[in-house]
Amino acid sequence: MDLEPLVAQIDPEGEIPPVGGWHPEHEGEMDLVIAADGRWIHEGTVMSRPRLVRLLSTILRREADGRHALVTPAEKQLIRVEDCAFLVVDAERGADLACGG
């Protein structure tokens, strides 16, 4: 998966792209695992660039069959997610949040 065209189009600090509306013809599978502890592991090596992980997280989609994929307008690459796709690292409860109880 060539990320350069994607990086040029997506601001990693900006809005999440409309991946639900993307239906690329090219589909594949890549050696990328999101571990249960939140680490992203590509070809056996932990990804150590937070901005790259943030960028990839914006194109992550759960398919109807439960599998996870990184999706761009040009291609979809299936990946493996061990537990949850995201790990909450900080949260605050506020009066404006819709929380039960």
PDB file of N, CA and C in Angstrom:
ATOM      1  N   MET A   1       0.855  -1.168   0.000  1.00  0.00           N
ATOM      2  CA  MET A   1       0.000   0.000   0.000  1.00  0.00           C
ATOM      3  C   MET A   1       0.898   1.226   0.000  1.00  0.00           C
ATOM      4  N   ASP A   2       0.823   2.046  -1.026  1.00  0.00           N
ATOM      5  CA  ASP A   2       1.596   3.266  -1.130  1.00  0.00           C
ATOM      6  C   ASP A   2       0.846   4.379  -0.411  1.00  0.00           C
ATOM      7  N   LEU A   3       1.407   4.875   0.687  1.00  0.00           N
ATOM      8  CA  LEU A   3       0.713   5.854   1.522  1.00  0.00           C
ATOM      9  C   LEU A   3       0.951   7.298   1.111  1.00  0.00           C
ATOM     10  N   GLU A   4       1.927   7.559   0.247  1.00  0.00           N
ATOM     11  CA  GLU A   4       2.249   8.938  -0.102  1.00  0.00           C
ATOM     12  C   GLU A   4       1.062   9.707  -0.682  1.00  0.00           C
ATOM     13  N   PRO A   5       0.322   9.166  -1.673  1.00  0.00           N
ATOM     14  CA  PRO A   5      -0.842   9.922  -2.174  1.00  0.00           C
ATOM     15  C   PRO A   5      -1.884  10.162  -1.083  1.00  0.00           C
ATOM     16  N   LEU A   6      -2.025   9.198  -0.191  1.00  0.00           N
ATOM     17  CA  LEU A   6      -2.985   9.330   0.903  1.00  0.00           C
ATOM     18  C   LEU A   6      -2.553  10.413   1.869  1.00  0.00           C
ATOM     19  N   VAL A   7      -1.281  10.418   2.228  1.00  0.00           N
ATOM     20  CA  VAL A   7      -0.768  11.422   3.152  1.00  0.00           C
ATOM     21  C   VAL A   7      -0.986  12.819   2.580  1.00  0.00           C
ATOM     22  N   ALA A   8      -0.828  12.959   1.274  1.00  0.00           N
ATOM     23  CA  ALA A   8      -1.018  14.257   0.633  1.00  0.00           C
ATOM     24  C   ALA A   8      -2.461  14.735   0.705  1.00  0.00           C
ATOM     25  N   GLN A   9      -3.422  13.814   0.807  1.00  0.00           N
ATOM     26  CA  GLN A   9      -4.845  14.177   0.795  1.00  0.00           C
ATOM     27  C   GLN A   9      -5.463  14.300   2.175  1.00  0.00           C
ATOM     28  N   ILE A  10      -4.874  13.656   3.168  1.00  0.00           N
ATOM     29  CA  ILE A  10      -5.499  13.592   4.488  1.00  0.00           C
ATOM     30  C   ILE A  10      -4.632  14.288   5.518  1.00  0.00           C
ATOM     31  N   ASP A  11      -5.225  15.205   6.229  1.00  0.00           N
ATOM     32  CA  ASP A  11      -4.562  15.879   7.331  1.00  0.00           C
ATOM     33  C   ASP A  11      -4.728  14.992   8.565  1.00  0.00           C
ATOM     34  N   PRO A  12      -3.625  14.432   9.106  1.00  0.00           N
ATOM     35  CA  PRO A  12      -3.761  13.519  10.239  1.00  0.00           C
ATOM     36  C   PRO A  12      -4.354  14.161  11.486  1.00  0.00           C
ATOM     37  N   GLU A  13      -4.406  15.486  11.520  1.00  0.00           N
ATOM     38  CA  GLU A  13      -5.011  16.176  12.660  1.00  0.00           C
ATOM     39  C   GLU A  13      -6.425  16.653  12.334  1.00  0.00           C
ATOM     40  N   GLY A  14      -6.876  16.404  11.122  1.00  0.00           N
ATOM     41  CA  GLY A  14      -8.162  16.925  10.672  1.00  0.00           C
ATOM     42  C   GLY A  14      -9.295  15.936  10.818  1.00  0.00           C
ATOM     43  N   GLU A  15     -10.324  16.130   9.982  1.00  0.00           N
ATOM     44  CA  GLU A  15     -11.518  15.294  10.034  1.00  0.00           C
ATOM     45  C   GLU A  15     -11.228  13.881   9.534  1.00  0.00           C
ATOM     46  N   ILE A  16     -12.036  12.950   9.995  1.00  0.00           N
ATOM     47  CA  ILE A  16     -11.911  11.569   9.553  1.00  0.00           C
ATOM     48  C   ILE A  16     -12.528  11.451   8.165  1.00  0.00           C
ATOM     49  N   PRO A  17     -11.799  10.826   7.235  1.00  0.00           N
ATOM     50  CA  PRO A  17     -12.309  10.700   5.859  1.00  0.00           C
ATOM     51  C   PRO A  17     -13.581   9.850   5.798  1.00  0.00           C
ATOM     52  N   PRO A  18     -14.357   9.990   4.732  1.00  0.00           N
ATOM     53  CA  PRO A  18     -15.619   9.245   4.591  1.00  0.00           C
ATOM     54  C   PRO A  18     -15.391   7.815   4.090  1.00  0.00           C
ATOM     55  N   VAL A  19     -14.707   6.992   4.885  1.00  0.00           N
ATOM     56  CA  VAL A  19     -14.336   5.640   4.440  1.00  0.00           C
ATOM     57  C   VAL A  19     -15.552   4.763   4.164  1.00  0.00           C
ATOM     58  N   GLY A  20     -16.677   5.052   4.782  1.00  0.00           N
ATOM     59  CA  GLY A  20     -17.884   4.261   4.555  1.00  0.00           C
ATOM     60  C   GLY A  20     -18.390   4.349   3.128  1.00  0.00           C
ATOM     61  N   GLY A  21     -18.063   5.430   2.456  1.00  0.00           N
ATOM     62  CA  GLY A  21     -18.504   5.612   1.082  1.00  0.00           C
ATOM     63  C   GLY A  21     -17.492   5.176   0.040  1.00  0.00           C
ATOM     64  N   TRP A  22     -16.346   4.710   0.489  1.00  0.00           N
ATOM     65  CA  TRP A  22     -15.303   4.263  -0.441  1.00  0.00           C
ATOM     66  C   TRP A  22     -15.451   2.777  -0.711  1.00  0.00           C
ATOM     67  N   HIS A  23     -15.483   2.406  -1.970  1.00  0.00           N
ATOM     68  CA  HIS A  23     -15.617   1.010  -2.382  1.00  0.00           C
ATOM     69  C   HIS A  23     -14.589   0.702  -3.464  1.00  0.00           C
ATOM     70  N   PRO A  24     -13.316   0.616  -3.066  1.00  0.00           N
ATOM     71  CA  PRO A  24     -12.250   0.425  -4.048  1.00  0.00           C
ATOM     72  C   PRO A  24     -12.307  -0.951  -4.706  1.00  0.00           C
ATOM     73  N   GLU A  25     -11.852  -1.000  -5.956  1.00  0.00           N
ATOM     74  CA  GLU A  25     -11.813  -2.266  -6.685  1.00  0.00           C
ATOM     75  C   GLU A  25     -10.679  -3.156  -6.200  1.00  0.00           C
ATOM     76  N   HIS A  26      -9.519  -2.558  -5.902  1.00  0.00           N
ATOM     77  CA  HIS A  26      -8.355  -3.351  -5.481  1.00  0.00           C
ATOM     78  C   HIS A  26      -8.468  -3.702  -4.000  1.00  0.00           C
ATOM     79  N   GLU A  27      -8.437  -4.990  -3.699  1.00  0.00           N
ATOM     80  CA  GLU A  27      -8.476  -5.457  -2.313  1.00  0.00           C
ATOM     81  C   GLU A  27      -7.320  -6.407  -2.078  1.00  0.00           C
ATOM     82  N   GLY A  28      -6.769  -6.351  -0.889  1.00  0.00           N
ATOM     83  CA  GLY A  28      -5.668  -7.225  -0.531  1.00  0.00           C
ATOM     84  C   GLY A  28      -5.639  -7.454   0.966  1.00  0.00           C
ATOM     85  N   GLU A  29      -4.533  -7.990   1.415  1.00  0.00           N
ATOM     86  CA  GLU A  29      -4.339  -8.253   2.834  1.00  0.00           C
ATOM     87  C   GLU A  29      -2.919  -7.851   3.174  1.00  0.00           C
ATOM     88  N   MET A  30      -2.735  -7.180   4.299  1.00  0.00           N
ATOM     89  CA  MET A  30      -1.391  -6.781   4.684  1.00  0.00           C
ATOM     90  C   MET A  30      -1.069  -7.301   6.076  1.00  0.00           C
ATOM     91  N   ASP A  31       0.217  -7.433   6.346  1.00  0.00           N
ATOM     92  CA  ASP A  31       0.697  -7.935   7.626  1.00  0.00           C
ATOM     93  C   ASP A  31       0.741  -6.786   8.632  1.00  0.00           C
ATOM     94  N   LEU A  32      -0.442  -6.408   9.091  1.00  0.00           N
ATOM     95  CA  LEU A  32      -0.580  -5.359  10.089  1.00  0.00           C
ATOM     96  C   LEU A  32      -1.536  -5.865  11.149  1.00  0.00           C
ATOM     97  N   VAL A  33      -1.109  -5.761  12.407  1.00  0.00           N
ATOM     98  CA  VAL A  33      -1.919  -6.211  13.537  1.00  0.00           C
ATOM     99  C   VAL A  33      -2.099  -5.052  14.499  1.00  0.00           C
ATOM    100  N   ILE A  34      -3.331  -4.839  14.929  1.00  0.00           N
ATOM    101  CA  ILE A  34      -3.562  -3.944  16.056  1.00  0.00           C
ATOM    102  C   ILE A  34      -3.700  -4.866  17.253  1.00  0.00           C
ATOM    103  N   ALA A  35      -2.700  -4.822  18.122  1.00  0.00           N
ATOM    104  CA  ALA A  35      -2.650  -5.713  19.280  1.00  0.00           C
ATOM    105  C   ALA A  35      -3.679  -5.295  20.323  1.00  0.00           C
ATOM    106  N   ALA A  36      -4.025  -6.223  21.196  1.00  0.00           N
ATOM    107  CA  ALA A  36      -5.014  -5.971  22.246  1.00  0.00           C
ATOM    108  C   ALA A  36      -4.587  -4.824  23.165  1.00  0.00           C
ATOM    109  N   ASP A  37      -3.276  -4.574  23.274  1.00  0.00           N
ATOM    110  CA  ASP A  37      -2.794  -3.490  24.126  1.00  0.00           C
ATOM    111  C   ASP A  37      -2.686  -2.155  23.391  1.00  0.00           C
ATOM    112  N   GLY A  38      -3.156  -2.106  22.130  1.00  0.00           N
ATOM    113  CA  GLY A  38      -3.174  -0.863  21.373  1.00  0.00           C
ATOM    114  C   GLY A  38      -1.990  -0.643  20.456  1.00  0.00           C
ATOM    115  N   ARG A  39      -0.974  -1.496  20.522  1.00  0.00           N
ATOM    116  CA  ARG A  39       0.175  -1.338  19.628  1.00  0.00           C
ATOM    117  C   ARG A  39      -0.204  -1.725  18.202  1.00  0.00           C
ATOM    118  N   TRP A  40       0.330  -0.992  17.231  1.00  0.00           N
ATOM    119  CA  TRP A  40       0.169  -1.310  15.815  1.00  0.00           C
ATOM    120  C   TRP A  40       1.473  -1.962  15.378  1.00  0.00           C
ATOM    121  N   ILE A  41       1.386  -3.173  14.843  1.00  0.00           N
ATOM    122  CA  ILE A  41       2.568  -3.961  14.510  1.00  0.00           C
ATOM    123  C   ILE A  41       2.532  -4.296  13.024  1.00  0.00           C
ATOM    124  N   HIS A  42       3.511  -3.785  12.282  1.00  0.00           N
ATOM    125  CA  HIS A  42       3.588  -4.018  10.836  1.00  0.00           C
ATOM    126  C   HIS A  42       4.777  -4.926  10.543  1.00  0.00           C
ATOM    127  N   GLU A  43       4.487  -6.076   9.938  1.00  0.00           N
ATOM    128  CA  GLU A  43       5.504  -7.067   9.586  1.00  0.00           C
ATOM    129  C   GLU A  43       6.412  -7.382  10.773  1.00  0.00           C
ATOM    130  N   GLY A  44       5.810  -7.522  11.954  1.00  0.00           N
ATOM    131  CA  GLY A  44       6.535  -7.909  13.158  1.00  0.00           C
ATOM    132  C   GLY A  44       7.204  -6.774  13.910  1.00  0.00           C
ATOM    133  N   THR A  45       7.140  -5.548  13.403  1.00  0.00           N
ATOM    134  CA  THR A  45       7.781  -4.405  14.052  1.00  0.00           C
ATOM    135  C   THR A  45       6.725  -3.425  14.545  1.00  0.00           C
ATOM    136  N   VAL A  46       6.850  -3.033  15.811  1.00  0.00           N
ATOM    137  CA  VAL A  46       5.913  -2.061  16.380  1.00  0.00           C
ATOM    138  C   VAL A  46       6.102  -0.720  15.676  1.00  0.00           C
ATOM    139  N   MET A  47       5.006  -0.142  15.249  1.00  0.00           N
ATOM    140  CA  MET A  47       5.051   1.165  14.593  1.00  0.00           C
ATOM    141  C   MET A  47       5.305   2.218  15.671  1.00  0.00           C
ATOM    142  N   SER A  48       6.385   2.974  15.502  1.00  0.00           N
ATOM    143  CA  SER A  48       6.796   3.930  16.532  1.00  0.00           C
ATOM    144  C   SER A  48       6.524   5.379  16.161  1.00  0.00           C
ATOM    145  N   ARG A  49       5.869   5.615  15.041  1.00  0.00           N
ATOM    146  CA  ARG A  49       5.553   6.980  14.607  1.00  0.00           C
ATOM    147  C   ARG A  49       4.084   7.271  14.907  1.00  0.00           C
ATOM    148  N   PRO A  50       3.808   7.989  15.995  1.00  0.00           N
ATOM    149  CA  PRO A  50       2.410   8.259  16.386  1.00  0.00           C
ATOM    150  C   PRO A  50       1.587   8.934  15.297  1.00  0.00           C
ATOM    151  N   ARG A  51       2.186   9.827  14.513  1.00  0.00           N
ATOM    152  CA  ARG A  51       1.421  10.511  13.455  1.00  0.00           C
ATOM    153  C   ARG A  51       1.001   9.530  12.370  1.00  0.00           C
ATOM    154  N   LEU A  52       1.838   8.533  12.072  1.00  0.00           N
ATOM    155  CA  LEU A  52       1.475   7.532  11.077  1.00  0.00           C
ATOM    156  C   LEU A  52       0.349   6.653  11.604  1.00  0.00           C
ATOM    157  N   VAL A  53       0.435   6.241  12.857  1.00  0.00           N
ATOM    158  CA  VAL A  53      -0.637   5.444  13.458  1.00  0.00           C
ATOM    159  C   VAL A  53      -1.931   6.247  13.465  1.00  0.00           C
ATOM    160  N   ARG A  54      -1.848   7.533  13.794  1.00  0.00           N
ATOM    161  CA  ARG A  54      -3.036   8.405  13.783  1.00  0.00           C
ATOM    162  C   ARG A  54      -3.624   8.476  12.377  1.00  0.00           C
ATOM    163  N   LEU A  55      -2.767   8.642  11.385  1.00  0.00           N
ATOM    164  CA  LEU A  55      -3.234   8.701  10.011  1.00  0.00           C
ATOM    165  C   LEU A  55      -3.937   7.406   9.628  1.00  0.00           C
ATOM    166  N   LEU A  56      -3.317   6.275   9.900  1.00  0.00           N
ATOM    167  CA  LEU A  56      -3.926   4.991   9.559  1.00  0.00           C
ATOM    168  C   LEU A  56      -5.235   4.770  10.307  1.00  0.00           C
ATOM    169  N   SER A  57      -5.303   5.260  11.540  1.00  0.00           N
ATOM    170  CA  SER A  57      -6.541   5.082  12.309  1.00  0.00           C
ATOM    171  C   SER A  57      -7.715   5.803  11.670  1.00  0.00           C
ATOM    172  N   THR A  58      -7.436   6.837  10.879  1.00  0.00           N
ATOM    173  CA  THR A  58      -8.521   7.575  10.232  1.00  0.00           C
ATOM    174  C   THR A  58      -9.083   6.854   9.016  1.00  0.00           C
ATOM    175  N   ILE A  59      -8.380   5.837   8.525  1.00  0.00           N
ATOM    176  CA  ILE A  59      -8.868   5.086   7.363  1.00  0.00           C
ATOM    177  C   ILE A  59      -9.207   3.643   7.738  1.00  0.00           C
ATOM    178  N   LEU A  60      -9.332   3.387   9.040  1.00  0.00           N
ATOM    179  CA  LEU A  60      -9.692   2.055   9.531  1.00  0.00           C
ATOM    180  C   LEU A  60     -11.203   1.886   9.493  1.00  0.00           C
ATOM    181  N   ARG A  61     -11.631   0.754   8.975  1.00  0.00           N
ATOM    182  CA  ARG A  61     -13.066   0.485   8.865  1.00  0.00           C
ATOM    183  C   ARG A  61     -13.330  -0.964   9.236  1.00  0.00           C
ATOM    184  N   ARG A  62     -14.443  -1.196   9.925  1.00  0.00           N
ATOM    185  CA  ARG A  62     -14.893  -2.552  10.212  1.00  0.00           C
ATOM    186  C   ARG A  62     -15.887  -2.957   9.134  1.00  0.00           C
ATOM    187  N   GLU A  63     -15.601  -4.073   8.483  1.00  0.00           N
ATOM    188  CA  GLU A  63     -16.447  -4.553   7.401  1.00  0.00           C
ATOM    189  C   GLU A  63     -17.693  -5.231   7.960  1.00  0.00           C
ATOM    190  N   ALA A  64     -18.687  -5.438   7.134  1.00  0.00           N
ATOM    191  CA  ALA A  64     -19.946  -6.059   7.552  1.00  0.00           C
ATOM    192  C   ALA A  64     -19.725  -7.456   8.118  1.00  0.00           C
ATOM    193  N   ASP A  65     -18.685  -8.141   7.642  1.00  0.00           N
ATOM    194  CA  ASP A  65     -18.406  -9.501   8.121  1.00  0.00           C
ATOM    195  C   ASP A  65     -17.560  -9.515   9.398  1.00  0.00           C
ATOM    196  N   GLY A  66     -17.259  -8.328   9.963  1.00  0.00           N
ATOM    197  CA  GLY A  66     -16.520  -8.236  11.213  1.00  0.00           C
ATOM    198  C   GLY A  66     -15.021  -8.049  11.050  1.00  0.00           C
ATOM    199  N   ARG A  67     -14.506  -8.235   9.835  1.00  0.00           N
ATOM    200  CA  ARG A  67     -13.074  -8.025   9.621  1.00  0.00           C
ATOM    201  C   ARG A  67     -12.779  -6.526   9.580  1.00  0.00           C
ATOM    202  N   HIS A  68     -11.519  -6.182   9.758  1.00  0.00           N
ATOM    203  CA  HIS A  68     -11.091  -4.783   9.731  1.00  0.00           C
ATOM    204  C   HIS A  68     -10.218  -4.543   8.516  1.00  0.00           C
ATOM    205  N   ALA A  69     -10.294  -3.323   7.984  1.00  0.00           N
ATOM    206  CA  ALA A  69      -9.517  -2.978   6.798  1.00  0.00           C
ATOM    207  C   ALA A  69      -9.099  -1.517   6.843  1.00  0.00           C
ATOM    208  N   LEU A  70      -7.965  -1.243   6.217  1.00  0.00           N
ATOM    209  CA  LEU A  70      -7.559   0.123   5.928  1.00  0.00           C
ATOM    210  C   LEU A  70      -8.077   0.408   4.530  1.00  0.00           C
ATOM    211  N   VAL A  71      -8.806   1.511   4.384  1.00  0.00           N
ATOM    212  CA  VAL A  71      -9.494   1.786   3.128  1.00  0.00           C
ATOM    213  C   VAL A  71      -9.109   3.173   2.605  1.00  0.00           C
ATOM    214  N   THR A  72      -8.823   3.219   1.310  1.00  0.00           N
ATOM    215  CA  THR A  72      -8.616   4.477   0.598  1.00  0.00           C
ATOM    216  C   THR A  72      -9.531   4.440  -0.618  1.00  0.00           C
ATOM    217  N   PRO A  73      -9.658   5.535  -1.342  1.00  0.00           N
ATOM    218  CA  PRO A  73     -10.477   5.472  -2.550  1.00  0.00           C
ATOM    219  C   PRO A  73      -9.933   4.475  -3.578  1.00  0.00           C
ATOM    220  N   ALA A  74      -8.631   4.167  -3.509  1.00  0.00           N
ATOM    221  CA  ALA A  74      -7.999   3.296  -4.507  1.00  0.00           C
ATOM    222  C   ALA A  74      -7.905   1.833  -4.094  1.00  0.00           C
ATOM    223  N   GLU A  75      -7.807   1.555  -2.783  1.00  0.00           N
ATOM    224  CA  GLU A  75      -7.643   0.167  -2.371  1.00  0.00           C
ATOM    225  C   GLU A  75      -8.093  -0.085  -0.936  1.00  0.00           C
ATOM    226  N   LYS A  76      -8.315  -1.374  -0.662  1.00  0.00           N
ATOM    227  CA  LYS A  76      -8.693  -1.821   0.679  1.00  0.00           C
ATOM    228  C   LYS A  76      -7.734  -2.939   1.060  1.00  0.00           C
ATOM    229  N   GLN A  77      -7.133  -2.818   2.246  1.00  0.00           N
ATOM    230  CA  GLN A  77      -6.211  -3.821   2.746  1.00  0.00           C
ATOM    231  C   GLN A  77      -6.739  -4.363   4.069  1.00  0.00           C
ATOM    232  N   LEU A  78      -7.038  -5.653   4.107  1.00  0.00           N
ATOM    233  CA  LEU A  78      -7.498  -6.276   5.340  1.00  0.00           C
ATOM    234  C   LEU A  78      -6.338  -6.375   6.317  1.00  0.00           C
ATOM    235  N   ILE A  79      -6.640  -6.138   7.593  1.00  0.00           N
ATOM    236  CA  ILE A  79      -5.648  -6.250   8.652  1.00  0.00           C
ATOM    237  C   ILE A  79      -6.250  -7.093   9.771  1.00  0.00           C
ATOM    238  N   ARG A  80      -5.429  -7.421  10.765  1.00  0.00           N
ATOM    239  CA  ARG A  80      -5.915  -8.221  11.893  1.00  0.00           C
ATOM    240  C   ARG A  80      -5.983  -7.346  13.137  1.00  0.00           C
ATOM    241  N   VAL A  81      -7.092  -7.434  13.843  1.00  0.00           N
ATOM    242  CA  VAL A  81      -7.283  -6.712  15.095  1.00  0.00           C
ATOM    243  C   VAL A  81      -7.517  -7.759  16.174  1.00  0.00           C
ATOM    244  N   GLU A  82      -6.627  -7.789  17.174  1.00  0.00           N
ATOM    245  CA  GLU A  82      -6.703  -8.828  18.197  1.00  0.00           C
ATOM    246  C   GLU A  82      -7.897  -8.679  19.129  1.00  0.00           C
ATOM    247  N   ASP A  83      -8.249  -7.462  19.477  1.00  0.00           N
ATOM    248  CA  ASP A  83      -9.319  -7.269  20.446  1.00  0.00           C
ATOM    249  C   ASP A  83     -10.183  -6.093  20.036  1.00  0.00           C
ATOM    250  N   CYS A  84      -9.749  -4.900  20.336  1.00  0.00           N
ATOM    251  CA  CYS A  84     -10.466  -3.677  19.987  1.00  0.00           C
ATOM    252  C   CYS A  84      -9.613  -2.895  19.001  1.00  0.00           C
ATOM    253  N   ALA A  85     -10.259  -2.168  18.136  1.00  0.00           N
ATOM    254  CA  ALA A  85      -9.505  -1.385  17.165  1.00  0.00           C
ATOM    255  C   ALA A  85      -8.840  -0.169  17.801  1.00  0.00           C
ATOM    256  N   PHE A  86      -9.338   0.300  18.928  1.00  0.00           N
ATOM    257  CA  PHE A  86      -8.787   1.491  19.560  1.00  0.00           C
ATOM    258  C   PHE A  86      -8.644   1.269  21.057  1.00  0.00           C
ATOM    259  N   LEU A  87      -7.706   1.966  21.655  1.00  0.00           N
ATOM    260  CA  LEU A  87      -7.467   1.929  23.084  1.00  0.00           C
ATOM    261  C   LEU A  87      -7.679   3.342  23.613  1.00  0.00           C
ATOM    262  N   VAL A  88      -8.581   3.501  24.563  1.00  0.00           N
ATOM    263  CA  VAL A  88      -8.825   4.805  25.155  1.00  0.00           C
ATOM    264  C   VAL A  88      -7.647   5.123  26.070  1.00  0.00           C
ATOM    265  N   VAL A  89      -7.013   6.265  25.836  1.00  0.00           N
ATOM    266  CA  VAL A  89      -5.867   6.647  26.648  1.00  0.00           C
ATOM    267  C   VAL A  89      -6.165   7.819  27.573  1.00  0.00           C
ATOM    268  N   ASP A  90      -7.294   8.506  27.334  1.00  0.00           N
ATOM    269  CA  ASP A  90      -7.680   9.620  28.184  1.00  0.00           C
ATOM    270  C   ASP A  90      -9.166   9.893  27.972  1.00  0.00           C
ATOM    271  N   ALA A  91      -9.870  10.167  29.029  1.00  0.00           N
ATOM    272  CA  ALA A  91     -11.290  10.461  28.915  1.00  0.00           C
ATOM    273  C   ALA A  91     -11.715  11.310  30.101  1.00  0.00           C
ATOM    274  N   GLU A  92     -12.719  12.132  29.871  1.00  0.00           N
ATOM    275  CA  GLU A  92     -13.306  12.930  30.937  1.00  0.00           C
ATOM    276  C   GLU A  92     -14.814  12.794  30.859  1.00  0.00           C
ATOM    277  N   ARG A  93     -15.457  12.696  31.981  1.00  0.00           N
ATOM    278  CA  ARG A  93     -16.911  12.645  32.009  1.00  0.00           C
ATOM    279  C   ARG A  93     -17.409  14.044  32.280  1.00  0.00           C
ATOM    280  N   GLY A  94     -18.340  14.467  31.462  1.00  0.00           N
ATOM    281  CA  GLY A  94     -18.889  15.808  31.619  1.00  0.00           C
ATOM    282  C   GLY A  94     -20.399  15.767  31.563  1.00  0.00           C
ATOM    283  N   ALA A  95     -20.997  16.841  32.014  1.00  0.00           N
ATOM    284  CA  ALA A  95     -22.466  16.932  32.058  1.00  0.00           C
ATOM    285  C   ALA A  95     -23.075  16.894  30.672  1.00  0.00           C
ATOM    286  N   ASP A  96     -22.311  17.302  29.661  1.00  0.00           N
ATOM    287  CA  ASP A  96     -22.858  17.339  28.307  1.00  0.00           C
ATOM    288  C   ASP A  96     -22.747  15.982  27.598  1.00  0.00           C
ATOM    289  N   LEU A  97     -22.174  14.999  28.221  1.00  0.00           N
ATOM    290  CA  LEU A  97     -22.032  13.675  27.607  1.00  0.00           C
ATOM    291  C   LEU A  97     -23.247  12.825  27.931  1.00  0.00           C
ATOM    292  N   ALA A  98     -23.674  12.047  26.966  1.00  0.00           N
ATOM    293  CA  ALA A  98     -24.819  11.152  27.152  1.00  0.00           C
ATOM    294  C   ALA A  98     -24.315   9.848  27.754  1.00  0.00           C
ATOM    295  N   CYS A  99     -24.209   9.785  29.059  1.00  0.00           N
ATOM    296  CA  CYS A  99     -23.755   8.590  29.766  1.00  0.00           C
ATOM    297  C   CYS A  99     -24.890   8.052  30.607  1.00  0.00           C
ATOM    298  N   GLY A 100     -24.991   6.755  30.653  1.00  0.00           N
ATOM    299  CA  GLY A 100     -26.008   6.159  31.509  1.00  0.00           C
ATOM    300  C   GLY A 100     -25.578   6.188  32.966  1.00  0.00           C
ATOM    301  N   GLY A 101     -26.350   6.814  33.824  1.00  0.00           N
ATOM    302  CA  GLY A 101     -26.080   6.802  35.251  1.00  0.00           C
ATOM    303  C   GLY A 101     -25.311   7.911  35.740  1.00  0.00           C
TER     304      GLY A 101
END
